[in-house]
Amino acid sequence: MTIIAALIMLAVTLGFLWLLFKLLKRPLMWLIKFLLHALLGYIFLFVFNFIGAWFGLGLSLNWFNAAVVGVCGVPGVIILLILEYLIL
């Protein structure tokens, strides 16, 4: 393979990756934002379980609960508590 052919392949590949990034930029930003909120929800659940242990309250630490808390906030915690203690 000559150097010119390799440079052309590199340019085409970089152009394709640039186009792919441009097309997927918004969905990727939504995914990153969702994952960040889920991580913050996970941290909030950890703190909630630590403080809630004094009052006999607690929720399981999993990514579904973290996503609910991350997206909904405090109302998400209330919804999960209702599901945990009244329905289940």
PDB file of N, CA and C in Angstrom:
ATOM      1  N   MET A   1       0.853  -1.174   0.000  1.00  0.00           N
ATOM      2  CA  MET A   1       0.000   0.000   0.000  1.00  0.00           C
ATOM      3  C   MET A   1       0.898   1.236   0.000  1.00  0.00           C
ATOM      4  N   THR A   2       0.585   2.115  -0.854  1.00  0.00           N
ATOM      5  CA  THR A   2       1.403   3.315  -0.939  1.00  0.00           C
ATOM      6  C   THR A   2       0.965   4.324   0.117  1.00  0.00           C
ATOM      7  N   ILE A   3       1.800   5.297   0.319  1.00  0.00           N
ATOM      8  CA  ILE A   3       1.514   6.338   1.306  1.00  0.00           C
ATOM      9  C   ILE A   3       0.303   7.153   0.889  1.00  0.00           C
ATOM     10  N   ILE A   4       0.152   7.407  -0.386  1.00  0.00           N
ATOM     11  CA  ILE A   4      -0.987   8.201  -0.868  1.00  0.00           C
ATOM     12  C   ILE A   4      -2.295   7.453  -0.627  1.00  0.00           C
ATOM     13  N   ALA A   5      -2.308   6.145  -0.881  1.00  0.00           N
ATOM     14  CA  ALA A   5      -3.510   5.348  -0.643  1.00  0.00           C
ATOM     15  C   ALA A   5      -3.855   5.317   0.845  1.00  0.00           C
ATOM     16  N   ALA A   6      -2.849   5.218   1.683  1.00  0.00           N
ATOM     17  CA  ALA A   6      -3.084   5.216   3.125  1.00  0.00           C
ATOM     18  C   ALA A   6      -3.635   6.557   3.583  1.00  0.00           C
ATOM     19  N   LEU A   7      -3.120   7.654   3.044  1.00  0.00           N
ATOM     20  CA  LEU A   7      -3.623   8.976   3.412  1.00  0.00           C
ATOM     21  C   LEU A   7      -5.061   9.180   2.945  1.00  0.00           C
ATOM     22  N   ILE A   8      -5.379   8.664   1.754  1.00  0.00           N
ATOM     23  CA  ILE A   8      -6.756   8.761   1.260  1.00  0.00           C
ATOM     24  C   ILE A   8      -7.695   7.953   2.158  1.00  0.00           C
ATOM     25  N   MET A   9      -7.281   6.762   2.544  1.00  0.00           N
ATOM     26  CA  MET A   9      -8.105   5.945   3.440  1.00  0.00           C
ATOM     27  C   MET A   9      -8.282   6.625   4.787  1.00  0.00           C
ATOM     28  N   LEU A  10      -7.242   7.237   5.291  1.00  0.00           N
ATOM     29  CA  LEU A  10      -7.325   7.961   6.551  1.00  0.00           C
ATOM     30  C   LEU A  10      -8.285   9.142   6.441  1.00  0.00           C
ATOM     31  N   ALA A  11      -8.208   9.890   5.353  1.00  0.00           N
ATOM     32  CA  ALA A  11      -9.093  11.041   5.148  1.00  0.00           C
ATOM     33  C   ALA A  11     -10.544  10.599   5.030  1.00  0.00           C
ATOM     34  N   VAL A  12     -10.802   9.518   4.315  1.00  0.00           N
ATOM     35  CA  VAL A  12     -12.174   9.006   4.175  1.00  0.00           C
ATOM     36  C   VAL A  12     -12.701   8.521   5.515  1.00  0.00           C
ATOM     37  N   THR A  13     -11.867   7.831   6.252  1.00  0.00           N
ATOM     38  CA  THR A  13     -12.276   7.338   7.573  1.00  0.00           C
ATOM     39  C   THR A  13     -12.577   8.485   8.517  1.00  0.00           C
ATOM     40  N   LEU A  14     -11.720   9.492   8.558  1.00  0.00           N
ATOM     41  CA  LEU A  14     -11.959  10.645   9.427  1.00  0.00           C
ATOM     42  C   LEU A  14     -13.208  11.409   8.993  1.00  0.00           C
ATOM     43  N   GLY A  15     -13.430  11.528   7.692  1.00  0.00           N
ATOM     44  CA  GLY A  15     -14.647  12.175   7.193  1.00  0.00           C
ATOM     45  C   GLY A  15     -15.890  11.406   7.597  1.00  0.00           C
ATOM     46  N   PHE A  16     -15.833  10.085   7.504  1.00  0.00           N
ATOM     47  CA  PHE A  16     -16.969   9.259   7.915  1.00  0.00           C
ATOM     48  C   PHE A  16     -17.225   9.385   9.412  1.00  0.00           C
ATOM     49  N   LEU A  17     -16.186   9.356  10.214  1.00  0.00           N
ATOM     50  CA  LEU A  17     -16.357   9.508  11.666  1.00  0.00           C
ATOM     51  C   LEU A  17     -16.910  10.877  12.023  1.00  0.00           C
ATOM     52  N   TRP A  18     -16.466  11.918  11.320  1.00  0.00           N
ATOM     53  CA  TRP A  18     -16.986  13.263  11.553  1.00  0.00           C
ATOM     54  C   TRP A  18     -18.475  13.319  11.228  1.00  0.00           C
ATOM     55  N   LEU A  19     -18.870  12.736  10.089  1.00  0.00           N
ATOM     56  CA  LEU A  19     -20.275  12.712   9.691  1.00  0.00           C
ATOM     57  C   LEU A  19     -21.114  11.911  10.688  1.00  0.00           C
ATOM     58  N   LEU A  20     -20.604  10.788  11.123  1.00  0.00           N
ATOM     59  CA  LEU A  20     -21.309   9.969  12.114  1.00  0.00           C
ATOM     60  C   LEU A  20     -21.484  10.724  13.419  1.00  0.00           C
ATOM     61  N   PHE A  21     -20.455  11.428  13.857  1.00  0.00           N
ATOM     62  CA  PHE A  21     -20.548  12.216  15.085  1.00  0.00           C
ATOM     63  C   PHE A  21     -21.576  13.328  14.935  1.00  0.00           C
ATOM     64  N   LYS A  22     -21.596  13.992  13.791  1.00  0.00           N
ATOM     65  CA  LYS A  22     -22.558  15.072  13.557  1.00  0.00           C
ATOM     66  C   LYS A  22     -23.991  14.541  13.595  1.00  0.00           C
ATOM     67  N   LEU A  23     -24.206  13.356  13.018  1.00  0.00           N
ATOM     68  CA  LEU A  23     -25.548  12.787  12.991  1.00  0.00           C
ATOM     69  C   LEU A  23     -26.000  12.309  14.369  1.00  0.00           C
ATOM     70  N   LEU A  24     -25.069  11.806  15.164  1.00  0.00           N
ATOM     71  CA  LEU A  24     -25.416  11.230  16.464  1.00  0.00           C
ATOM     72  C   LEU A  24     -25.123  12.155  17.633  1.00  0.00           C
ATOM     73  N   LYS A  25     -24.804  13.416  17.370  1.00  0.00           N
ATOM     74  CA  LYS A  25     -24.411  14.326  18.435  1.00  0.00           C
ATOM     75  C   LYS A  25     -25.532  14.523  19.451  1.00  0.00           C
ATOM     76  N   ARG A  26     -26.726  14.834  18.992  1.00  0.00           N
ATOM     77  CA  ARG A  26     -27.834  15.086  19.906  1.00  0.00           C
ATOM     78  C   ARG A  26     -28.227  13.826  20.690  1.00  0.00           C
ATOM     79  N   PRO A  27     -28.423  12.666  20.030  1.00  0.00           N
ATOM     80  CA  PRO A  27     -28.744  11.472  20.826  1.00  0.00           C
ATOM     81  C   PRO A  27     -27.642  11.104  21.819  1.00  0.00           C
ATOM     82  N   LEU A  28     -26.371  11.310  21.423  1.00  0.00           N
ATOM     83  CA  LEU A  28     -25.280  11.007  22.356  1.00  0.00           C
ATOM     84  C   LEU A  28     -25.311  11.955  23.553  1.00  0.00           C
ATOM     85  N   MET A  29     -25.649  13.215  23.319  1.00  0.00           N
ATOM     86  CA  MET A  29     -25.732  14.169  24.423  1.00  0.00           C
ATOM     87  C   MET A  29     -26.880  13.784  25.365  1.00  0.00           C
ATOM     88  N   TRP A  30     -28.000  13.329  24.801  1.00  0.00           N
ATOM     89  CA  TRP A  30     -29.108  12.881  25.638  1.00  0.00           C
ATOM     90  C   TRP A  30     -28.712  11.663  26.460  1.00  0.00           C
ATOM     91  N   LEU A  31     -27.986  10.743  25.839  1.00  0.00           N
ATOM     92  CA  LEU A  31     -27.543   9.552  26.554  1.00  0.00           C
ATOM     93  C   LEU A  31     -26.573   9.925  27.671  1.00  0.00           C
ATOM     94  N   ILE A  32     -25.633  10.808  27.386  1.00  0.00           N
ATOM     95  CA  ILE A  32     -24.677  11.233  28.414  1.00  0.00           C
ATOM     96  C   ILE A  32     -25.398  11.946  29.548  1.00  0.00           C
ATOM     97  N   LYS A  33     -26.371  12.797  29.208  1.00  0.00           N
ATOM     98  CA  LYS A  33     -27.139  13.502  30.234  1.00  0.00           C
ATOM     99  C   LYS A  33     -27.935  12.513  31.091  1.00  0.00           C
ATOM    100  N   PHE A  34     -28.563  11.515  30.450  1.00  0.00           N
ATOM    101  CA  PHE A  34     -29.318  10.513  31.191  1.00  0.00           C
ATOM    102  C   PHE A  34     -28.409   9.719  32.122  1.00  0.00           C
ATOM    103  N   LEU A  35     -27.242   9.307  31.632  1.00  0.00           N
ATOM    104  CA  LEU A  35     -26.320   8.542  32.467  1.00  0.00           C
ATOM    105  C   LEU A  35     -25.780   9.377  33.629  1.00  0.00           C
ATOM    106  N   LEU A  36     -25.560  10.661  33.399  1.00  0.00           N
ATOM    107  CA  LEU A  36     -25.120  11.541  34.473  1.00  0.00           C
ATOM    108  C   LEU A  36     -26.206  11.681  35.534  1.00  0.00           C
ATOM    109  N   HIS A  37     -27.451  11.848  35.102  1.00  0.00           N
ATOM    110  CA  HIS A  37     -28.549  11.942  36.059  1.00  0.00           C
ATOM    111  C   HIS A  37     -28.728  10.629  36.821  1.00  0.00           C
ATOM    112  N   ALA A  38     -28.564   9.500  36.136  1.00  0.00           N
ATOM    113  CA  ALA A  38     -28.669   8.207  36.811  1.00  0.00           C
ATOM    114  C   ALA A  38     -27.558   8.042  37.848  1.00  0.00           C
ATOM    115  N   LEU A  39     -26.358   8.496  37.529  1.00  0.00           N
ATOM    116  CA  LEU A  39     -25.253   8.431  38.485  1.00  0.00           C
ATOM    117  C   LEU A  39     -25.537   9.305  39.704  1.00  0.00           C
ATOM    118  N   LEU A  40     -26.055  10.505  39.466  1.00  0.00           N
ATOM    119  CA  LEU A  40     -26.422  11.376  40.585  1.00  0.00           C
ATOM    120  C   LEU A  40     -27.556  10.771  41.403  1.00  0.00           C
ATOM    121  N   GLY A  41     -28.497  10.118  40.731  1.00  0.00           N
ATOM    122  CA  GLY A  41     -29.569   9.418  41.439  1.00  0.00           C
ATOM    123  C   GLY A  41     -29.033   8.282  42.294  1.00  0.00           C
ATOM    124  N   TYR A  42     -28.036   7.573  41.782  1.00  0.00           N
ATOM    125  CA  TYR A  42     -27.407   6.488  42.540  1.00  0.00           C
ATOM    126  C   TYR A  42     -26.737   7.034  43.799  1.00  0.00           C
ATOM    127  N   ILE A  43     -26.052   8.153  43.657  1.00  0.00           N
ATOM    128  CA  ILE A  43     -25.408   8.782  44.819  1.00  0.00           C
ATOM    129  C   ILE A  43     -26.460   9.249  45.814  1.00  0.00           C
ATOM    130  N   PHE A  44     -27.553   9.846  45.300  1.00  0.00           N
ATOM    131  CA  PHE A  44     -28.630  10.294  46.175  1.00  0.00           C
ATOM    132  C   PHE A  44     -29.258   9.115  46.910  1.00  0.00           C
ATOM    133  N   LEU A  45     -29.461   7.987  46.224  1.00  0.00           N
ATOM    134  CA  LEU A  45     -30.009   6.800  46.882  1.00  0.00           C
ATOM    135  C   LEU A  45     -29.077   6.283  47.970  1.00  0.00           C
ATOM    136  N   PHE A  46     -27.795   6.339  47.720  1.00  0.00           N
ATOM    137  CA  PHE A  46     -26.825   5.901  48.725  1.00  0.00           C
ATOM    138  C   PHE A  46     -26.942   6.763  49.984  1.00  0.00           C
ATOM    139  N   VAL A  47     -27.000   8.076  49.792  1.00  0.00           N
ATOM    140  CA  VAL A  47     -27.139   8.986  50.935  1.00  0.00           C
ATOM    141  C   VAL A  47     -28.496   8.781  51.606  1.00  0.00           C
ATOM    142  N   PHE A  48     -29.545   8.605  50.807  1.00  0.00           N
ATOM    143  CA  PHE A  48     -30.883   8.372  51.358  1.00  0.00           C
ATOM    144  C   PHE A  48     -30.909   7.108  52.201  1.00  0.00           C
ATOM    145  N   ASN A  49     -30.276   6.037  51.739  1.00  0.00           N
ATOM    146  CA  ASN A  49     -30.240   4.794  52.518  1.00  0.00           C
ATOM    147  C   ASN A  49     -29.446   4.969  53.804  1.00  0.00           C
ATOM    148  N   PHE A  50     -28.399   5.756  53.753  1.00  0.00           N
ATOM    149  CA  PHE A  50     -27.604   6.005  54.959  1.00  0.00           C
ATOM    150  C   PHE A  50     -28.427   6.758  56.001  1.00  0.00           C
ATOM    151  N   ILE A  51     -29.108   7.814  55.575  1.00  0.00           N
ATOM    152  CA  ILE A  51     -29.927   8.600  56.506  1.00  0.00           C
ATOM    153  C   ILE A  51     -31.222   7.870  56.830  1.00  0.00           C
ATOM    154  N   GLY A  52     -31.808   7.202  55.841  1.00  0.00           N
ATOM    155  CA  GLY A  52     -33.065   6.493  56.054  1.00  0.00           C
ATOM    156  C   GLY A  52     -32.941   5.314  56.999  1.00  0.00           C
ATOM    157  N   ALA A  53     -31.736   4.798  57.202  1.00  0.00           N
ATOM    158  CA  ALA A  53     -31.543   3.681  58.134  1.00  0.00           C
ATOM    159  C   ALA A  53     -31.910   4.088  59.555  1.00  0.00           C
ATOM    160  N   TRP A  54     -31.754   5.359  59.883  1.00  0.00           N
ATOM    161  CA  TRP A  54     -32.137   5.828  61.220  1.00  0.00           C
ATOM    162  C   TRP A  54     -33.645   5.776  61.418  1.00  0.00           C
ATOM    163  N   PHE A  55     -34.405   5.875  60.344  1.00  0.00           N
ATOM    164  CA  PHE A  55     -35.863   5.906  60.418  1.00  0.00           C
ATOM    165  C   PHE A  55     -36.502   4.618  59.915  1.00  0.00           C
ATOM    166  N   GLY A  56     -35.707   3.655  59.558  1.00  0.00           N
ATOM    167  CA  GLY A  56     -36.226   2.387  59.068  1.00  0.00           C
ATOM    168  C   GLY A  56     -36.641   2.414  57.607  1.00  0.00           C
ATOM    169  N   LEU A  57     -36.143   3.360  56.856  1.00  0.00           N
ATOM    170  CA  LEU A  57     -36.463   3.456  55.435  1.00  0.00           C
ATOM    171  C   LEU A  57     -35.237   3.079  54.615  1.00  0.00           C
ATOM    172  N   GLY A  58     -35.491   2.495  53.479  1.00  0.00           N
ATOM    173  CA  GLY A  58     -34.387   2.168  52.599  1.00  0.00           C
ATOM    174  C   GLY A  58     -34.896   1.675  51.259  1.00  0.00           C
ATOM    175  N   LEU A  59     -34.113   1.906  50.248  1.00  0.00           N
ATOM    176  CA  LEU A  59     -34.425   1.442  48.899  1.00  0.00           C
ATOM    177  C   LEU A  59     -33.219   0.694  48.362  1.00  0.00           C
ATOM    178  N   SER A  60     -33.480  -0.266  47.499  1.00  0.00           N
ATOM    179  CA  SER A  60     -32.362  -1.021  46.936  1.00  0.00           C
ATOM    180  C   SER A  60     -31.562  -0.142  45.981  1.00  0.00           C
ATOM    181  N   LEU A  61     -30.271  -0.370  45.984  1.00  0.00           N
ATOM    182  CA  LEU A  61     -29.380   0.376  45.099  1.00  0.00           C
ATOM    183  C   LEU A  61     -29.222  -0.394  43.797  1.00  0.00           C
ATOM    184  N   ASN A  62     -29.981  -0.009  42.785  1.00  0.00           N
ATOM    185  CA  ASN A  62     -29.803  -0.572  41.457  1.00  0.00           C
ATOM    186  C   ASN A  62     -29.971   0.542  40.437  1.00  0.00           C
ATOM    187  N   TRP A  63     -29.629   0.249  39.180  1.00  0.00           N
ATOM    188  CA  TRP A  63     -29.621   1.309  38.181  1.00  0.00           C
ATOM    189  C   TRP A  63     -31.016   1.746  37.776  1.00  0.00           C
ATOM    190  N   PHE A  64     -32.021   0.867  37.922  1.00  0.00           N
ATOM    191  CA  PHE A  64     -33.391   1.294  37.618  1.00  0.00           C
ATOM    192  C   PHE A  64     -33.846   2.338  38.632  1.00  0.00           C
ATOM    193  N   ASN A  65     -33.650   2.058  39.920  1.00  0.00           N
ATOM    194  CA  ASN A  65     -34.023   3.035  40.949  1.00  0.00           C
ATOM    195  C   ASN A  65     -33.206   4.321  40.792  1.00  0.00           C
ATOM    196  N   ALA A  66     -31.946   4.177  40.462  1.00  0.00           N
ATOM    197  CA  ALA A  66     -31.108   5.363  40.271  1.00  0.00           C
ATOM    198  C   ALA A  66     -31.599   6.201  39.092  1.00  0.00           C
ATOM    199  N   ALA A  67     -32.037   5.553  38.021  1.00  0.00           N
ATOM    200  CA  ALA A  67     -32.554   6.288  36.868  1.00  0.00           C
ATOM    201  C   ALA A  67     -33.854   6.997  37.215  1.00  0.00           C
ATOM    202  N   VAL A  68     -34.729   6.333  37.974  1.00  0.00           N
ATOM    203  CA  VAL A  68     -35.991   6.966  38.388  1.00  0.00           C
ATOM    204  C   VAL A  68     -35.699   8.180  39.257  1.00  0.00           C
ATOM    205  N   VAL A  69     -34.803   8.040  40.215  1.00  0.00           N
ATOM    206  CA  VAL A  69     -34.461   9.160  41.094  1.00  0.00           C
ATOM    207  C   VAL A  69     -33.720  10.240  40.316  1.00  0.00           C
ATOM    208  N   GLY A  70     -32.855   9.857  39.421  1.00  0.00           N
ATOM    209  CA  GLY A  70     -32.106  10.838  38.641  1.00  0.00           C
ATOM    210  C   GLY A  70     -32.983  11.653  37.717  1.00  0.00           C
ATOM    211  N   VAL A  71     -33.998  11.024  37.136  1.00  0.00           N
ATOM    212  CA  VAL A  71     -34.881  11.731  36.215  1.00  0.00           C
ATOM    213  C   VAL A  71     -35.968  12.493  36.961  1.00  0.00           C
ATOM    214  N   CYS A  72     -36.566  11.865  37.969  1.00  0.00           N
ATOM    215  CA  CYS A  72     -37.720  12.472  38.663  1.00  0.00           C
ATOM    216  C   CYS A  72     -37.338  13.264  39.911  1.00  0.00           C
ATOM    217  N   GLY A  73     -36.177  12.989  40.491  1.00  0.00           N
ATOM    218  CA  GLY A  73     -35.764  13.706  41.689  1.00  0.00           C
ATOM    219  C   GLY A  73     -36.463  13.176  42.935  1.00  0.00           C
ATOM    220  N   VAL A  74     -36.822  14.091  43.832  1.00  0.00           N
ATOM    221  CA  VAL A  74     -37.459  13.703  45.099  1.00  0.00           C
ATOM    222  C   VAL A  74     -38.809  13.020  44.862  1.00  0.00           C
ATOM    223  N   PRO A  75     -39.636  13.470  43.908  1.00  0.00           N
ATOM    224  CA  PRO A  75     -40.865  12.705  43.650  1.00  0.00           C
ATOM    225  C   PRO A  75     -40.582  11.261  43.234  1.00  0.00           C
ATOM    226  N   GLY A  76     -39.472  11.012  42.572  1.00  0.00           N
ATOM    227  CA  GLY A  76     -39.091   9.649  42.228  1.00  0.00           C
ATOM    228  C   GLY A  76     -38.809   8.813  43.460  1.00  0.00           C
ATOM    229  N   VAL A  77     -38.177   9.416  44.460  1.00  0.00           N
ATOM    230  CA  VAL A  77     -37.931   8.703  45.719  1.00  0.00           C
ATOM    231  C   VAL A  77     -39.261   8.368  46.390  1.00  0.00           C
ATOM    232  N   ILE A  78     -40.185   9.310  46.388  1.00  0.00           N
ATOM    233  CA  ILE A  78     -41.493   9.080  47.002  1.00  0.00           C
ATOM    234  C   ILE A  78     -42.239   7.971  46.268  1.00  0.00           C
ATOM    235  N   ILE A  79     -42.197   7.989  44.938  1.00  0.00           N
ATOM    236  CA  ILE A  79     -42.842   6.935  44.149  1.00  0.00           C
ATOM    237  C   ILE A  79     -42.229   5.576  44.467  1.00  0.00           C
ATOM    238  N   LEU A  80     -40.907   5.514  44.552  1.00  0.00           N
ATOM    239  CA  LEU A  80     -40.247   4.246  44.861  1.00  0.00           C
ATOM    240  C   LEU A  80     -40.572   3.774  46.274  1.00  0.00           C
ATOM    241  N   LEU A  81     -40.666   4.699  47.222  1.00  0.00           N
ATOM    242  CA  LEU A  81     -41.044   4.311  48.578  1.00  0.00           C
ATOM    243  C   LEU A  81     -42.466   3.774  48.621  1.00  0.00           C
ATOM    244  N   ILE A  82     -43.374   4.416  47.892  1.00  0.00           N
ATOM    245  CA  ILE A  82     -44.757   3.918  47.836  1.00  0.00           C
ATOM    246  C   ILE A  82     -44.778   2.530  47.228  1.00  0.00           C
ATOM    247  N   LEU A  83     -44.058   2.327  46.140  1.00  0.00           N
ATOM    248  CA  LEU A  83     -44.001   1.005  45.532  1.00  0.00           C
ATOM    249  C   LEU A  83     -43.382  -0.029  46.461  1.00  0.00           C
ATOM    250  N   GLU A  84     -42.359   0.375  47.176  1.00  0.00           N
ATOM    251  CA  GLU A  84     -41.640  -0.560  48.057  1.00  0.00           C
ATOM    252  C   GLU A  84     -42.490  -0.992  49.261  1.00  0.00           C
ATOM    253  N   TYR A  85     -43.136  -0.031  49.913  1.00  0.00           N
ATOM    254  CA  TYR A  85     -43.761  -0.331  51.194  1.00  0.00           C
ATOM    255  C   TYR A  85     -45.272  -0.533  51.127  1.00  0.00           C
ATOM    256  N   LEU A  86     -45.962   0.044  50.175  1.00  0.00           N
ATOM    257  CA  LEU A  86     -47.402  -0.108  50.129  1.00  0.00           C
ATOM    258  C   LEU A  86     -47.859  -1.194  49.161  1.00  0.00           C
ATOM    259  N   ILE A  87     -47.215  -1.278  48.023  1.00  0.00           N
ATOM    260  CA  ILE A  87     -47.661  -2.230  47.010  1.00  0.00           C
ATOM    261  C   ILE A  87     -46.944  -3.562  47.128  1.00  0.00           C
ATOM    262  N   LEU A  88     -45.636  -3.513  47.276  1.00  0.00           N
ATOM    263  CA  LEU A  88     -44.873  -4.763  47.342  1.00  0.00           C
ATOM    264  C   LEU A  88     -44.826  -5.191  48.758  1.00  0.00           C
TER     265      LEU A  88
END
